[in-house]
Amino acid sequence: MTIFKRAAARRLALLGIVGLVAVGALAASALAVLNGSPDNGRHPYVGVAVWFPTGNPADGFELCSGSLVSATVFVTAAHCFPEGAAVFVDTDESGFADLHQPNFGHAVPGIAHPDPNWQLGAHGLAGADRNDIAVVQLAGAGLPQPGNRYAQLPALGSNNSLPANQPVEIVGYGIQTQSPLTFGTRFDAPAKVIPGGGSVGDEFLKISSSPGQGGATCNGDSGGPDLKAGTDLMLAISSYGASATCKAVDYSQRMDTAEALGFVSQYLND
């Protein structure tokens, strides 16, 4: 298999069957939710979304993270899947492993809908995605959560008043180790919003990814939430990083913009 990563897309793409040995070429720092640990049920509404581009799992797949905001509405990043893609979503701790079970285990099918106003590489930030948000509409009853616990959307403009060094929790299913290749298990880690990251960036939150200051996102973590620490409030979703080794500043799509809230709300109100 081959893995590709671009600064603007922290999805994970495994295409072909040539062998996992190619993954050994990844830098040792290319780990998911850097400095993280198994989630252990802390965020049960965070899930993994998998798309098989040819419809045949043997031909490869693409993987992103995301959050349920209702039983049938899963929020992820726009750069993960094209409009109309048939995606499978699972909220089990080892969600991707579950997809290998008969009938895809507990996964539920859905249809991906990126924000039609998504723009790759806009907004004056190298590699940045403007309106990098998508929903997957899940079939049937979707994935109901015990106690109706879901990720919560923020109030309009609320990130503007975040204090300096606001603690956040980043959650995702990306690569945890490269040899052997392991991924698809929900990990989380503490991080913080870089001072000014809320008020200065009208589209993104800037998240610290310094090893000494908490966690960072990498391949497969796109679309995963940046939660206000200790809450289910989804301040932003992982969008892109400026470093191929996942060591520089991370940029997360703000969920408190009029565009993001309006886009998600139309599916919640259907």
Protein backbone atom coordinates (compact mmCIF):
# COMPACT_ATOMS: atom_id res chain seq x y z
CA MET A 1 0.00 0.00 0.00
CA THR A 2 1.03 3.58 -0.26
CA ILE A 3 0.25 6.44 2.06
CA PHE A 4 0.17 9.98 0.82
CA LYS A 5 -0.04 13.10 2.93
CA ARG A 6 -0.29 16.72 1.88
CA ALA A 7 -0.13 19.69 4.20
CA ALA A 8 -3.75 20.55 3.50
CA ALA A 9 -5.19 17.05 3.95
CA ARG A 10 -4.75 15.03 7.10
CA ARG A 11 -6.88 12.22 5.74
CA LEU A 12 -5.35 8.79 5.39
CA ALA A 13 -5.37 7.13 1.98
CA LEU A 14 -4.34 3.51 1.56
CA LEU A 15 -4.66 2.50 -2.07
CA GLY A 16 -3.49 -0.71 -3.66
CA ILE A 17 -2.17 -3.93 -2.21
CA VAL A 18 1.58 -3.63 -2.77
CA GLY A 19 2.47 -4.14 0.89
CA LEU A 20 2.68 -2.27 4.15
CA VAL A 21 6.47 -2.17 4.05
CA ALA A 22 6.23 1.09 2.12
CA VAL A 23 4.87 2.70 5.25
CA GLY A 24 8.27 2.33 6.85
CA ALA A 25 9.38 5.34 4.83
CA LEU A 26 7.22 7.60 6.97
CA ALA A 27 9.04 9.80 9.45
CA ALA A 28 8.98 8.45 12.98
CA SER A 29 7.06 11.53 14.07
CA ALA A 30 4.19 10.79 11.67
CA LEU A 31 1.86 9.49 14.35
CA ALA A 32 -1.81 10.15 14.97
CA VAL A 33 -2.87 12.47 17.78
CA LEU A 34 0.76 12.88 18.74
CA ASN A 35 1.43 12.39 22.45
CA GLY A 36 -2.08 10.96 22.77
CA SER A 37 -3.53 7.90 24.47
CA PRO A 38 -6.49 5.55 23.92
CA ASP A 39 -9.75 7.44 24.38
CA ASN A 40 -11.24 4.76 26.66
CA GLY A 41 -14.82 5.85 26.11
CA ARG A 42 -14.36 9.52 26.91
CA HIS A 43 -15.77 10.70 23.57
CA PRO A 44 -18.20 8.02 22.33
CA TYR A 45 -19.68 10.29 19.64
CA VAL A 46 -16.33 10.62 17.82
CA GLY A 47 -16.08 8.14 14.97
CA VAL A 48 -14.15 7.01 11.92
CA ALA A 49 -15.42 7.41 8.36
CA VAL A 50 -14.14 5.14 5.59
CA TRP A 51 -14.70 5.43 1.85
CA PHE A 52 -13.87 2.70 -0.69
CA PRO A 53 -13.46 4.70 -3.95
CA THR A 54 -14.01 1.71 -6.24
CA GLY A 55 -16.59 0.08 -3.99
CA ASN A 56 -14.23 -2.87 -3.44
CA PRO A 57 -12.35 -2.85 -0.09
CA ALA A 58 -9.52 -4.83 -1.71
CA ASP A 59 -8.72 -1.84 -3.93
CA GLY A 60 -7.97 0.48 -1.00
CA PHE A 61 -9.74 3.11 1.06
CA GLU A 62 -9.62 6.61 2.45
CA LEU A 63 -10.16 7.35 6.13
CA CYS A 64 -11.02 10.43 8.17
CA SER A 65 -12.28 11.16 11.67
CA GLY A 66 -15.37 13.10 12.71
CA SER A 67 -18.14 13.61 15.25
CA LEU A 68 -21.83 12.83 15.52
CA VAL A 69 -23.90 15.93 16.23
CA SER A 70 -27.05 13.81 16.03
CA ALA A 71 -27.74 10.13 15.45
CA THR A 72 -27.78 10.67 11.67
CA VAL A 73 -25.47 13.67 11.10
CA PHE A 74 -21.70 13.09 11.22
CA VAL A 75 -19.45 16.15 10.86
CA THR A 76 -16.05 15.76 9.19
CA ALA A 77 -13.74 17.71 6.83
CA ALA A 78 -14.70 18.64 3.25
CA HIS A 79 -11.37 17.52 1.83
CA CYS A 80 -12.00 13.93 2.98
CA PHE A 81 -14.63 12.74 0.51
CA PRO A 82 -16.28 13.95 -2.71
CA GLU A 83 -19.96 14.86 -2.98
CA GLY A 84 -22.13 11.76 -2.95
CA ALA A 85 -19.41 9.38 -1.74
CA ALA A 86 -20.80 6.25 -0.05
CA VAL A 87 -19.11 6.33 3.35
CA PHE A 88 -19.20 3.92 6.31
CA VAL A 89 -19.12 5.45 9.80
CA ASP A 90 -18.35 3.65 13.06
CA THR A 91 -18.06 5.03 16.59
CA ASP A 92 -16.49 1.95 18.17
CA GLU A 93 -13.12 2.50 19.84
CA SER A 94 -11.47 0.32 17.18
CA GLY A 95 -13.74 1.48 14.42
CA PHE A 96 -11.68 0.61 11.38
CA ALA A 97 -10.93 -2.91 12.65
CA ASP A 98 -14.69 -3.31 12.98
CA LEU A 99 -15.10 -2.59 9.27
CA HIS A 100 -13.33 -5.85 8.48
CA GLN A 101 -16.03 -7.89 10.23
CA PRO A 102 -18.97 -9.46 8.35
CA ASN A 103 -21.44 -6.78 7.28
CA PHE A 104 -18.90 -4.16 8.44
CA GLY A 105 -19.58 -4.84 12.11
CA HIS A 106 -21.39 -1.92 13.72
CA ALA A 107 -20.68 0.56 10.92
CA VAL A 108 -23.56 2.47 9.34
CA PRO A 109 -23.55 3.62 5.69
CA GLY A 110 -24.10 7.23 4.73
CA ILE A 111 -23.65 9.79 1.96
CA ALA A 112 -20.99 12.51 2.16
CA HIS A 113 -21.86 16.15 1.44
CA PRO A 114 -18.94 18.61 1.48
CA ASP A 115 -19.79 22.28 1.93
CA PRO A 116 -20.37 23.55 -1.63
CA ASN A 117 -18.40 26.67 -0.69
CA TRP A 118 -15.30 24.69 0.26
CA GLN A 119 -12.22 26.19 -1.34
CA LEU A 120 -8.87 24.46 -1.39
CA GLY A 121 -5.88 26.66 -0.74
CA ALA A 122 -7.80 29.89 -0.24
CA HIS A 123 -7.79 32.46 2.57
CA GLY A 124 -4.16 33.43 2.18
CA LEU A 125 -2.79 30.50 4.19
CA ALA A 126 -0.53 28.12 2.28
CA GLY A 127 -2.48 24.93 1.75
CA ALA A 128 -5.47 26.07 3.80
CA ASP A 129 -8.99 24.94 3.05
CA ARG A 130 -11.73 27.54 3.44
CA ASN A 131 -15.06 26.15 4.70
CA ASP A 132 -13.38 22.76 5.16
CA ILE A 133 -16.47 21.09 6.56
CA ALA A 134 -18.70 18.24 5.42
CA VAL A 135 -21.49 16.10 6.78
CA VAL A 136 -22.23 12.45 6.25
CA GLN A 137 -25.96 11.73 6.36
CA LEU A 138 -26.31 8.29 7.91
CA ALA A 139 -28.92 5.80 6.79
CA GLY A 140 -31.87 4.65 8.88
CA ALA A 141 -31.62 5.38 12.59
CA GLY A 142 -27.93 6.18 12.22
CA LEU A 143 -25.78 5.71 15.32
CA PRO A 144 -27.85 6.76 18.37
CA GLN A 145 -25.73 7.58 21.40
CA PRO A 146 -26.61 6.53 24.96
CA GLY A 147 -28.16 9.41 26.84
CA ASN A 148 -28.34 11.42 23.61
CA ARG A 149 -24.75 12.51 24.11
CA TYR A 150 -23.39 14.15 20.96
CA ALA A 151 -20.79 16.76 20.06
CA GLN A 152 -22.24 20.21 20.66
CA LEU A 153 -22.00 23.08 18.19
CA PRO A 154 -20.68 26.41 19.51
CA ALA A 155 -22.50 29.73 19.48
CA LEU A 156 -21.86 32.08 16.56
CA GLY A 157 -18.51 33.87 17.02
CA SER A 158 -17.86 32.33 20.42
CA ASN A 159 -14.27 31.38 19.58
CA ASN A 160 -13.41 35.08 19.37
CA SER A 161 -13.47 35.32 23.14
CA LEU A 162 -11.39 32.25 23.91
CA PRO A 163 -8.68 33.04 26.47
CA ALA A 164 -5.00 32.70 25.68
CA ASN A 165 -3.86 29.09 25.80
CA GLN A 166 -7.41 27.75 25.90
CA PRO A 167 -7.10 24.00 26.68
CA VAL A 168 -8.64 21.69 24.08
CA GLU A 169 -8.89 17.96 23.55
CA ILE A 170 -8.12 16.65 20.07
CA VAL A 171 -9.59 13.29 19.08
CA GLY A 172 -9.01 11.10 16.01
CA TYR A 173 -8.42 7.67 14.47
CA GLY A 174 -5.23 8.27 12.48
CA ILE A 175 -1.88 6.43 12.44
CA GLN A 176 -0.61 5.48 15.88
CA THR A 177 2.47 3.46 14.89
CA GLN A 178 4.21 2.90 11.58
CA SER A 179 5.96 -0.44 12.16
CA PRO A 180 3.76 -2.34 12.37
CA LEU A 181 1.18 -0.05 10.83
CA THR A 182 -1.62 0.60 13.33
CA PHE A 183 -4.44 3.07 13.00
CA GLY A 184 -8.22 3.25 13.23
CA THR A 185 -8.40 3.29 17.04
CA ARG A 186 -9.78 6.37 18.77
CA PHE A 187 -7.04 8.35 20.50
CA ASP A 188 -7.21 11.72 22.24
CA ALA A 189 -4.69 14.19 23.61
CA PRO A 190 -4.55 17.54 25.40
CA ALA A 191 -3.57 20.57 23.32
CA LYS A 192 -4.14 24.30 23.44
CA VAL A 193 -5.19 27.16 21.21
CA ILE A 194 -2.21 29.36 20.42
CA PRO A 195 -2.76 32.86 21.87
CA GLY A 196 -4.73 34.87 19.35
CA GLY A 197 -5.73 31.72 17.51
CA GLY A 198 -9.40 32.44 18.04
CA SER A 199 -9.68 36.16 17.46
CA VAL A 200 -7.01 36.49 14.77
CA GLY A 201 -8.03 33.61 12.52
CA ASP A 202 -11.58 34.21 11.28
CA GLU A 203 -11.61 30.76 9.62
CA PHE A 204 -9.21 28.61 11.65
CA LEU A 205 -8.05 27.99 15.19
CA LYS A 206 -4.30 27.63 15.50
CA ILE A 207 -3.50 24.64 17.70
CA SER A 208 -0.16 24.04 19.39
CA SER A 209 1.54 20.87 18.24
CA SER A 210 4.78 21.25 20.15
CA PRO A 211 5.64 17.93 21.86
CA GLY A 212 6.15 19.87 25.07
CA GLN A 213 2.73 21.52 24.89
CA GLY A 214 0.32 18.68 24.19
CA GLY A 215 -0.90 16.67 21.24
CA ALA A 216 -1.07 17.21 17.49
CA THR A 217 -2.95 15.69 14.58
CA CYS A 218 -1.61 13.75 11.61
CA ASN A 219 -2.74 11.28 8.90
CA GLY A 220 -6.31 10.12 9.39
CA ASP A 221 -7.24 12.76 11.97
CA SER A 222 -8.86 15.17 9.50
CA GLY A 223 -12.37 16.08 10.57
CA GLY A 224 -11.82 15.03 14.18
CA PRO A 225 -12.97 17.52 16.80
CA ASP A 226 -11.09 20.10 18.83
CA LEU A 227 -13.22 20.03 21.97
CA LYS A 228 -13.17 22.61 24.71
CA ALA A 229 -11.35 20.70 27.43
CA GLY A 230 -13.66 18.79 29.73
CA THR A 231 -16.75 19.38 27.58
CA ASP A 232 -18.49 18.10 24.44
CA LEU A 233 -18.32 21.57 22.85
CA MET A 234 -16.76 21.29 19.38
CA LEU A 235 -14.80 24.50 18.88
CA ALA A 236 -13.28 23.38 15.57
CA ILE A 237 -12.39 20.34 13.44
CA SER A 238 -8.93 19.27 12.29
CA SER A 239 -8.17 20.60 8.82
CA TYR A 240 -4.48 20.77 7.93
CA GLY A 241 -0.95 21.14 9.21
CA ALA A 242 1.94 23.09 7.81
CA SER A 243 4.47 20.30 8.36
CA ALA A 244 4.76 16.92 6.65
CA THR A 245 6.11 15.54 9.92
CA CYS A 246 3.16 16.88 11.92
CA LYS A 247 5.37 19.02 14.17
CA ALA A 248 4.34 22.54 13.20
CA VAL A 249 1.18 24.49 13.99
CA ASP A 250 -2.09 22.73 13.25
CA TYR A 251 -5.00 24.64 11.72
CA SER A 252 -8.55 23.61 12.58
CA GLN A 253 -11.70 24.77 10.82
CA ARG A 254 -13.73 26.91 13.20
CA MET A 255 -17.23 25.62 13.87
CA ASP A 256 -18.54 28.95 15.18
CA THR A 257 -18.64 30.68 11.78
CA ALA A 258 -21.95 31.57 10.15
CA GLU A 259 -21.01 29.34 7.21
CA ALA A 260 -20.22 26.28 9.33
CA LEU A 261 -23.25 26.62 11.59
CA GLY A 262 -25.60 27.28 8.69
CA PHE A 263 -24.27 24.36 6.67
CA VAL A 264 -24.61 21.81 9.50
CA SER A 265 -27.94 23.17 10.71
CA GLN A 266 -29.66 22.52 7.40
CA TYR A 267 -29.05 18.79 7.87
CA LEU A 268 -30.06 18.83 11.53
CA ASN A 269 -33.33 20.50 10.59
CA ASP A 270 -34.21 18.10 7.76
